[in-house]
Amino acid sequence: MMPLTDRQLSLWRLKRSGLRISEIAARLGISRQAVHKGLRAVEAKIYRALVSAAMASKVEIRNIDVEKGLLVGWSPWLKVDVYILFSAKNGVQIWFKHEGNCRECPLRDDCRSLLLDEAEERGIMLPKGEDIEPSQLAKMFFKKLLEV
């Protein structure tokens, strides 16, 4: 489910690309006030989407960074860190930290593709070699995402 309209996604993408509010306004042909108001609405929707996903998964919230579309939490049931992402391309996703055997998982290619998509959307460079398992890609991706 995508909680943002196409217009809101455009605003969020432009803001995440590093543009200032005045630059976004000029690019979209709207006022700075409209951009500011639109971004506040976008941030509120992303926040609600991240918190809703955490609540539905029984994840304890540790930190939320709406600008990154990232919620960091803890699963008391699985006793692992949890990362909940919001992205323009993939919507809301929940990632449970683990050291699993990805080679035998039927979702291996899906996880790999999603991680590479998420990294690309955020400008994070990850190795694309097929020999790197999704659990290793995830470790690299989330480490870099948390550093930025």
N, C-alpha and C. Protein backbone atom coordinates (compact mmCIF):
# COMPACT_ATOMS: atom_id res chain seq x y z
N MET A 1 0.84 -1.18 0.00
CA MET A 1 0.00 0.00 0.00
C MET A 1 0.88 1.24 0.00
N MET A 2 0.56 2.18 -0.85
CA MET A 2 1.33 3.41 -0.95
C MET A 2 0.53 4.52 -0.27
N PRO A 3 1.03 5.04 0.86
CA PRO A 3 0.28 6.06 1.59
C PRO A 3 0.33 7.46 0.97
N LEU A 4 1.17 7.65 -0.05
CA LEU A 4 1.32 8.98 -0.64
C LEU A 4 0.73 9.04 -2.04
N THR A 5 0.21 10.21 -2.38
CA THR A 5 -0.26 10.45 -3.74
C THR A 5 0.95 10.64 -4.64
N ASP A 6 0.74 10.64 -5.95
CA ASP A 6 1.85 10.86 -6.88
C ASP A 6 2.50 12.23 -6.65
N ARG A 7 1.68 13.24 -6.39
CA ARG A 7 2.20 14.60 -6.14
C ARG A 7 3.05 14.62 -4.87
N GLN A 8 2.57 13.94 -3.83
CA GLN A 8 3.32 13.88 -2.58
C GLN A 8 4.63 13.12 -2.76
N LEU A 9 4.60 12.05 -3.55
CA LEU A 9 5.84 11.31 -3.83
C LEU A 9 6.85 12.20 -4.55
N SER A 10 6.36 13.02 -5.47
CA SER A 10 7.25 13.96 -6.18
C SER A 10 7.90 14.93 -5.21
N LEU A 11 7.12 15.48 -4.30
CA LEU A 11 7.66 16.40 -3.30
C LEU A 11 8.74 15.71 -2.46
N TRP A 12 8.43 14.50 -1.99
CA TRP A 12 9.35 13.78 -1.13
C TRP A 12 10.64 13.44 -1.87
N ARG A 13 10.52 13.00 -3.12
CA ARG A 13 11.72 12.68 -3.92
C ARG A 13 12.60 13.92 -4.10
N LEU A 14 11.96 15.04 -4.42
CA LEU A 14 12.73 16.27 -4.63
C LEU A 14 13.43 16.71 -3.35
N LYS A 15 12.74 16.62 -2.24
CA LYS A 15 13.34 17.00 -0.95
C LYS A 15 14.51 16.08 -0.62
N ARG A 16 14.34 14.78 -0.84
CA ARG A 16 15.40 13.81 -0.55
C ARG A 16 16.58 13.95 -1.49
N SER A 17 16.34 14.55 -2.65
CA SER A 17 17.45 14.73 -3.59
C SER A 17 18.35 15.90 -3.17
N GLY A 18 17.95 16.61 -2.11
CA GLY A 18 18.79 17.68 -1.59
C GLY A 18 18.35 19.08 -1.97
N LEU A 19 17.25 19.19 -2.69
CA LEU A 19 16.78 20.52 -3.07
C LEU A 19 16.19 21.26 -1.87
N ARG A 20 16.38 22.57 -1.87
CA ARG A 20 15.76 23.42 -0.84
C ARG A 20 14.30 23.67 -1.22
N ILE A 21 13.53 24.12 -0.25
CA ILE A 21 12.11 24.36 -0.47
C ILE A 21 11.88 25.35 -1.61
N SER A 22 12.68 26.40 -1.66
CA SER A 22 12.53 27.38 -2.74
C SER A 22 12.82 26.77 -4.11
N GLU A 23 13.79 25.86 -4.17
CA GLU A 23 14.12 25.19 -5.44
C GLU A 23 12.99 24.24 -5.86
N ILE A 24 12.41 23.55 -4.90
CA ILE A 24 11.28 22.67 -5.20
C ILE A 24 10.10 23.49 -5.71
N ALA A 25 9.84 24.61 -5.05
CA ALA A 25 8.74 25.47 -5.45
C ALA A 25 8.93 25.96 -6.89
N ALA A 26 10.13 26.38 -7.21
CA ALA A 26 10.41 26.87 -8.57
C ALA A 26 10.25 25.75 -9.59
N ARG A 27 10.74 24.58 -9.25
CA ARG A 27 10.66 23.45 -10.17
C ARG A 27 9.21 23.04 -10.44
N LEU A 28 8.38 23.06 -9.39
CA LEU A 28 6.98 22.64 -9.53
C LEU A 28 6.03 23.78 -9.88
N GLY A 29 6.53 25.01 -9.85
CA GLY A 29 5.69 26.15 -10.17
C GLY A 29 4.62 26.43 -9.11
N ILE A 30 4.99 26.20 -7.84
CA ILE A 30 4.08 26.47 -6.74
C ILE A 30 4.80 27.32 -5.70
N SER A 31 4.06 27.82 -4.72
CA SER A 31 4.67 28.69 -3.71
C SER A 31 5.51 27.87 -2.72
N ARG A 32 6.43 28.57 -2.06
CA ARG A 32 7.23 27.93 -1.02
C ARG A 32 6.33 27.45 0.11
N GLN A 33 5.29 28.23 0.39
CA GLN A 33 4.34 27.84 1.45
C GLN A 33 3.63 26.54 1.08
N ALA A 34 3.27 26.39 -0.19
CA ALA A 34 2.61 25.15 -0.63
C ALA A 34 3.55 23.96 -0.50
N VAL A 35 4.82 24.16 -0.83
CA VAL A 35 5.81 23.09 -0.68
C VAL A 35 5.95 22.72 0.79
N HIS A 36 6.10 23.72 1.64
CA HIS A 36 6.26 23.47 3.07
C HIS A 36 5.06 22.72 3.63
N LYS A 37 3.87 23.17 3.28
CA LYS A 37 2.64 22.51 3.75
C LYS A 37 2.56 21.08 3.21
N GLY A 38 2.89 20.91 1.95
CA GLY A 38 2.86 19.58 1.33
C GLY A 38 3.85 18.63 1.98
N LEU A 39 5.06 19.12 2.29
CA LEU A 39 6.07 18.28 2.93
C LEU A 39 5.66 17.89 4.35
N ARG A 40 5.00 18.80 5.04
CA ARG A 40 4.51 18.44 6.39
C ARG A 40 3.49 17.32 6.30
N ALA A 41 2.61 17.38 5.31
CA ALA A 41 1.61 16.32 5.12
C ALA A 41 2.29 15.00 4.75
N VAL A 42 3.30 15.06 3.89
CA VAL A 42 4.05 13.87 3.49
C VAL A 42 4.73 13.24 4.70
N GLU A 43 5.40 14.06 5.49
CA GLU A 43 6.11 13.54 6.67
C GLU A 43 5.14 12.90 7.66
N ALA A 44 3.97 13.49 7.82
CA ALA A 44 2.97 12.92 8.74
C ALA A 44 2.48 11.56 8.24
N LYS A 45 2.26 11.44 6.93
CA LYS A 45 1.81 10.16 6.37
C LYS A 45 2.88 9.09 6.48
N ILE A 46 4.12 9.46 6.20
CA ILE A 46 5.22 8.49 6.30
C ILE A 46 5.39 8.04 7.75
N TYR A 47 5.32 8.99 8.67
CA TYR A 47 5.43 8.66 10.09
C TYR A 47 4.34 7.66 10.48
N ARG A 48 3.11 7.95 10.10
CA ARG A 48 1.99 7.05 10.44
C ARG A 48 2.18 5.67 9.80
N ALA A 49 2.65 5.62 8.57
CA ALA A 49 2.87 4.34 7.89
C ALA A 49 3.93 3.51 8.61
N LEU A 50 5.03 4.16 9.01
CA LEU A 50 6.10 3.45 9.71
C LEU A 50 5.63 2.95 11.07
N VAL A 51 4.94 3.80 11.82
CA VAL A 51 4.47 3.42 13.15
C VAL A 51 3.41 2.32 13.05
N SER A 52 2.53 2.42 12.07
CA SER A 52 1.50 1.38 11.89
C SER A 52 2.13 0.02 11.59
N ALA A 53 3.16 0.02 10.74
CA ALA A 53 3.85 -1.24 10.42
C ALA A 53 4.52 -1.80 11.67
N ALA A 54 5.12 -0.94 12.48
CA ALA A 54 5.76 -1.39 13.71
C ALA A 54 4.74 -1.97 14.67
N MET A 55 3.62 -1.31 14.82
CA MET A 55 2.59 -1.79 15.74
C MET A 55 2.02 -3.12 15.26
N ALA A 56 1.77 -3.24 13.97
CA ALA A 56 1.21 -4.48 13.42
C ALA A 56 2.18 -5.65 13.59
N SER A 57 3.47 -5.37 13.61
CA SER A 57 4.49 -6.43 13.74
C SER A 57 4.98 -6.57 15.17
N LYS A 58 4.36 -5.84 16.09
CA LYS A 58 4.74 -5.91 17.52
C LYS A 58 6.21 -5.54 17.72
N VAL A 59 6.62 -4.48 17.04
CA VAL A 59 8.00 -4.00 17.11
C VAL A 59 8.07 -2.82 18.06
N GLU A 60 9.02 -2.87 18.97
CA GLU A 60 9.27 -1.74 19.86
C GLU A 60 10.04 -0.69 19.07
N ILE A 61 9.54 0.53 19.07
CA ILE A 61 10.17 1.60 18.30
C ILE A 61 11.35 2.19 19.08
N ARG A 62 12.49 2.26 18.42
CA ARG A 62 13.69 2.85 19.03
C ARG A 62 13.98 4.23 18.45
N ASN A 63 13.76 4.38 17.13
CA ASN A 63 14.06 5.65 16.48
C ASN A 63 13.30 5.73 15.17
N ILE A 64 12.86 6.94 14.83
CA ILE A 64 12.20 7.17 13.54
C ILE A 64 12.87 8.36 12.87
N ASP A 65 13.25 8.17 11.61
CA ASP A 65 13.80 9.25 10.79
C ASP A 65 12.92 9.34 9.55
N VAL A 66 11.95 10.23 9.60
CA VAL A 66 10.98 10.35 8.51
C VAL A 66 11.66 10.78 7.22
N GLU A 67 12.65 11.64 7.32
CA GLU A 67 13.34 12.12 6.12
C GLU A 67 13.99 10.96 5.36
N LYS A 68 14.52 9.99 6.09
CA LYS A 68 15.10 8.80 5.46
C LYS A 68 14.05 7.73 5.17
N GLY A 69 12.86 7.88 5.74
CA GLY A 69 11.84 6.84 5.60
C GLY A 69 12.27 5.59 6.34
N LEU A 70 12.77 5.76 7.58
CA LEU A 70 13.35 4.67 8.34
C LEU A 70 12.87 4.66 9.77
N LEU A 71 12.43 3.50 10.22
CA LEU A 71 12.13 3.26 11.63
C LEU A 71 13.05 2.14 12.08
N VAL A 72 13.73 2.36 13.19
CA VAL A 72 14.58 1.33 13.78
C VAL A 72 13.88 0.83 15.03
N GLY A 73 13.75 -0.47 15.14
CA GLY A 73 13.06 -1.04 16.28
C GLY A 73 13.67 -2.34 16.75
N TRP A 74 12.95 -2.97 17.66
CA TRP A 74 13.40 -4.22 18.27
C TRP A 74 12.22 -5.16 18.35
N SER A 75 12.44 -6.41 17.97
CA SER A 75 11.42 -7.43 18.11
C SER A 75 11.67 -8.20 19.40
N PRO A 76 10.82 -7.99 20.42
CA PRO A 76 11.03 -8.73 21.67
C PRO A 76 10.77 -10.23 21.50
N TRP A 77 10.00 -10.60 20.50
CA TRP A 77 9.67 -12.01 20.26
C TRP A 77 10.82 -12.74 19.60
N LEU A 78 11.42 -12.09 18.63
CA LEU A 78 12.54 -12.72 17.90
C LEU A 78 13.90 -12.31 18.45
N LYS A 79 13.89 -11.27 19.30
CA LYS A 79 15.11 -10.74 19.90
C LYS A 79 16.13 -10.31 18.85
N VAL A 80 15.62 -9.52 17.87
CA VAL A 80 16.48 -9.00 16.81
C VAL A 80 16.10 -7.55 16.51
N ASP A 81 17.05 -6.83 15.92
CA ASP A 81 16.76 -5.49 15.43
C ASP A 81 15.82 -5.59 14.24
N VAL A 82 15.00 -4.56 14.08
CA VAL A 82 14.05 -4.50 12.98
C VAL A 82 14.20 -3.14 12.31
N TYR A 83 14.20 -3.15 10.98
CA TYR A 83 14.26 -1.92 10.21
C TYR A 83 13.01 -1.87 9.34
N ILE A 84 12.26 -0.80 9.49
CA ILE A 84 11.07 -0.61 8.66
C ILE A 84 11.36 0.57 7.75
N LEU A 85 11.23 0.32 6.46
CA LEU A 85 11.55 1.33 5.44
C LEU A 85 10.30 1.80 4.71
N PHE A 86 10.34 3.04 4.32
CA PHE A 86 9.37 3.54 3.35
C PHE A 86 10.16 4.06 2.18
N SER A 87 9.78 3.63 0.98
CA SER A 87 10.43 4.15 -0.22
C SER A 87 9.38 4.44 -1.28
N ALA A 88 9.74 5.33 -2.19
CA ALA A 88 8.83 5.70 -3.26
C ALA A 88 8.54 4.51 -4.17
N LYS A 89 9.52 3.67 -4.39
CA LYS A 89 9.34 2.55 -5.32
C LYS A 89 8.68 1.33 -4.68
N ASN A 90 9.04 1.03 -3.42
CA ASN A 90 8.61 -0.22 -2.80
C ASN A 90 7.64 -0.08 -1.64
N GLY A 91 7.25 1.14 -1.31
CA GLY A 91 6.31 1.34 -0.21
C GLY A 91 6.93 0.99 1.13
N VAL A 92 6.15 0.37 2.02
CA VAL A 92 6.61 0.02 3.35
C VAL A 92 7.11 -1.42 3.35
N GLN A 93 8.30 -1.62 3.92
CA GLN A 93 8.90 -2.95 4.03
C GLN A 93 9.44 -3.14 5.44
N ILE A 94 9.40 -4.36 5.91
CA ILE A 94 9.92 -4.67 7.23
C ILE A 94 11.06 -5.67 7.08
N TRP A 95 12.19 -5.34 7.66
CA TRP A 95 13.39 -6.17 7.59
C TRP A 95 13.80 -6.58 8.99
N PHE A 96 13.88 -7.87 9.24
CA PHE A 96 14.33 -8.40 10.52
C PHE A 96 15.78 -8.81 10.37
N LYS A 97 16.64 -8.29 11.23
CA LYS A 97 18.07 -8.62 11.16
C LYS A 97 18.26 -10.09 11.49
N HIS A 98 19.02 -10.77 10.66
CA HIS A 98 19.31 -12.18 10.91
C HIS A 98 20.54 -12.61 10.12
N GLU A 99 21.04 -13.74 10.45
CA GLU A 99 22.20 -14.32 9.77
C GLU A 99 21.76 -15.60 9.08
N GLY A 100 20.66 -15.55 8.39
CA GLY A 100 20.09 -16.74 7.79
C GLY A 100 20.88 -17.30 6.63
N ASN A 101 20.46 -18.46 6.20
CA ASN A 101 21.05 -19.12 5.04
C ASN A 101 20.24 -18.70 3.82
N CYS A 102 20.64 -17.64 3.20
CA CYS A 102 19.89 -17.08 2.08
C CYS A 102 19.90 -17.99 0.85
N ARG A 103 20.94 -18.79 0.70
CA ARG A 103 21.06 -19.63 -0.50
C ARG A 103 19.87 -20.57 -0.67
N GLU A 104 19.27 -21.00 0.42
CA GLU A 104 18.17 -21.95 0.35
C GLU A 104 16.79 -21.30 0.50
N CYS A 105 16.77 -19.99 0.61
CA CYS A 105 15.50 -19.27 0.81
C CYS A 105 14.84 -18.98 -0.54
N PRO A 106 13.54 -19.26 -0.68
CA PRO A 106 12.85 -18.99 -1.94
C PRO A 106 12.70 -17.49 -2.22
N LEU A 107 12.93 -16.64 -1.22
CA LEU A 107 12.81 -15.19 -1.40
C LEU A 107 14.16 -14.51 -1.64
N ARG A 108 15.19 -15.30 -1.83
CA ARG A 108 16.55 -14.76 -1.98
C ARG A 108 16.64 -13.68 -3.05
N ASP A 109 16.15 -13.96 -4.23
CA ASP A 109 16.25 -13.00 -5.32
C ASP A 109 15.40 -11.76 -5.07
N ASP A 110 14.23 -11.95 -4.47
CA ASP A 110 13.37 -10.81 -4.14
C ASP A 110 14.05 -9.88 -3.13
N CYS A 111 14.61 -10.46 -2.08
CA CYS A 111 15.30 -9.67 -1.06
C CYS A 111 16.47 -8.91 -1.67
N ARG A 112 17.23 -9.61 -2.48
CA ARG A 112 18.39 -9.01 -3.13
C ARG A 112 17.98 -7.82 -4.00
N SER A 113 16.94 -8.02 -4.80
CA SER A 113 16.45 -6.97 -5.68
C SER A 113 15.93 -5.77 -4.88
N LEU A 114 15.17 -6.03 -3.83
CA LEU A 114 14.64 -4.94 -3.00
C LEU A 114 15.77 -4.15 -2.34
N LEU A 115 16.75 -4.84 -1.81
CA LEU A 115 17.87 -4.14 -1.16
C LEU A 115 18.63 -3.26 -2.15
N LEU A 116 18.87 -3.78 -3.33
CA LEU A 116 19.58 -2.99 -4.35
C LEU A 116 18.74 -1.79 -4.79
N ASP A 117 17.42 -1.98 -4.91
CA ASP A 117 16.52 -0.86 -5.23
C ASP A 117 16.56 0.22 -4.15
N GLU A 118 16.47 -0.22 -2.90
CA GLU A 118 16.48 0.72 -1.78
C GLU A 118 17.79 1.48 -1.72
N ALA A 119 18.88 0.80 -1.92
CA ALA A 119 20.19 1.46 -1.90
C ALA A 119 20.29 2.48 -3.04
N GLU A 120 19.85 2.09 -4.22
CA GLU A 120 19.91 3.01 -5.36
C GLU A 120 19.06 4.25 -5.11
N GLU A 121 17.84 4.05 -4.60
CA GLU A 121 16.95 5.20 -4.33
C GLU A 121 17.57 6.17 -3.34
N ARG A 122 18.37 5.67 -2.43
CA ARG A 122 18.97 6.49 -1.39
C ARG A 122 20.40 6.92 -1.71
N GLY A 123 20.91 6.53 -2.88
CA GLY A 123 22.26 6.91 -3.27
C GLY A 123 23.34 6.19 -2.49
N ILE A 124 23.04 4.98 -2.05
CA ILE A 124 24.00 4.17 -1.30
C ILE A 124 24.58 3.12 -2.25
N MET A 125 25.89 3.08 -2.33
CA MET A 125 26.54 2.13 -3.21
C MET A 125 26.70 0.78 -2.49
N LEU A 126 26.23 -0.27 -3.15
CA LEU A 126 26.39 -1.63 -2.65
C LEU A 126 26.99 -2.48 -3.76
N PRO A 127 27.79 -3.49 -3.38
CA PRO A 127 28.30 -4.40 -4.41
C PRO A 127 27.15 -5.20 -5.02
N LYS A 128 27.21 -5.41 -6.31
CA LYS A 128 26.13 -6.10 -7.00
C LYS A 128 26.45 -7.55 -7.34
N GLY A 129 27.57 -8.04 -6.89
CA GLY A 129 27.98 -9.41 -7.21
C GLY A 129 26.98 -10.44 -6.69
N GLU A 130 26.68 -11.42 -7.53
CA GLU A 130 25.72 -12.46 -7.18
C GLU A 130 26.17 -13.32 -6.00
N ASP A 131 27.46 -13.30 -5.70
CA ASP A 131 27.97 -14.14 -4.61
C ASP A 131 27.71 -13.54 -3.23
N ILE A 132 27.25 -12.30 -3.17
CA ILE A 132 26.97 -11.66 -1.88
C ILE A 132 25.51 -11.93 -1.52
N GLU A 133 25.32 -12.59 -0.39
CA GLU A 133 23.98 -12.97 0.04
C GLU A 133 23.18 -11.76 0.53
N PRO A 134 21.86 -11.81 0.39
CA PRO A 134 21.02 -10.71 0.85
C PRO A 134 21.23 -10.32 2.31
N SER A 135 21.49 -11.30 3.18
CA SER A 135 21.72 -10.95 4.59
C SER A 135 22.98 -10.08 4.74
N GLN A 136 24.00 -10.32 3.91
CA GLN A 136 25.21 -9.50 3.93
C GLN A 136 24.94 -8.13 3.30
N LEU A 137 24.19 -8.11 2.20
CA LEU A 137 23.81 -6.83 1.59
C LEU A 137 23.01 -5.98 2.57
N ALA A 138 22.10 -6.62 3.28
CA ALA A 138 21.28 -5.90 4.26
C ALA A 138 22.15 -5.30 5.35
N LYS A 139 23.11 -6.07 5.82
CA LYS A 139 24.01 -5.58 6.87
C LYS A 139 24.76 -4.32 6.38
N MET A 140 25.28 -4.38 5.15
CA MET A 140 26.00 -3.23 4.58
C MET A 140 25.06 -2.05 4.37
N PHE A 141 23.88 -2.33 3.81
CA PHE A 141 22.93 -1.27 3.50
C PHE A 141 22.48 -0.53 4.76
N PHE A 142 22.04 -1.27 5.78
CA PHE A 142 21.54 -0.60 6.97
C PHE A 142 22.64 0.11 7.74
N LYS A 143 23.85 -0.44 7.69
CA LYS A 143 24.97 0.27 8.34
C LYS A 143 25.19 1.62 7.67
N LYS A 144 25.22 1.63 6.34
CA LYS A 144 25.43 2.88 5.60
C LYS A 144 24.25 3.83 5.77
N LEU A 145 23.04 3.31 5.77
CA LEU A 145 21.84 4.14 5.94
C LEU A 145 21.84 4.83 7.29
N LEU A 146 22.25 4.11 8.32
CA LEU A 146 22.28 4.69 9.67
C LEU A 146 23.40 5.71 9.83
N GLU A 147 24.48 5.59 9.03
CA GLU A 147 25.59 6.54 9.09
C GLU A 147 25.27 7.87 8.43
N VAL A 148 24.47 7.83 7.40
CA VAL A 148 24.20 9.03 6.59
C VAL A 148 23.48 10.08 7.42
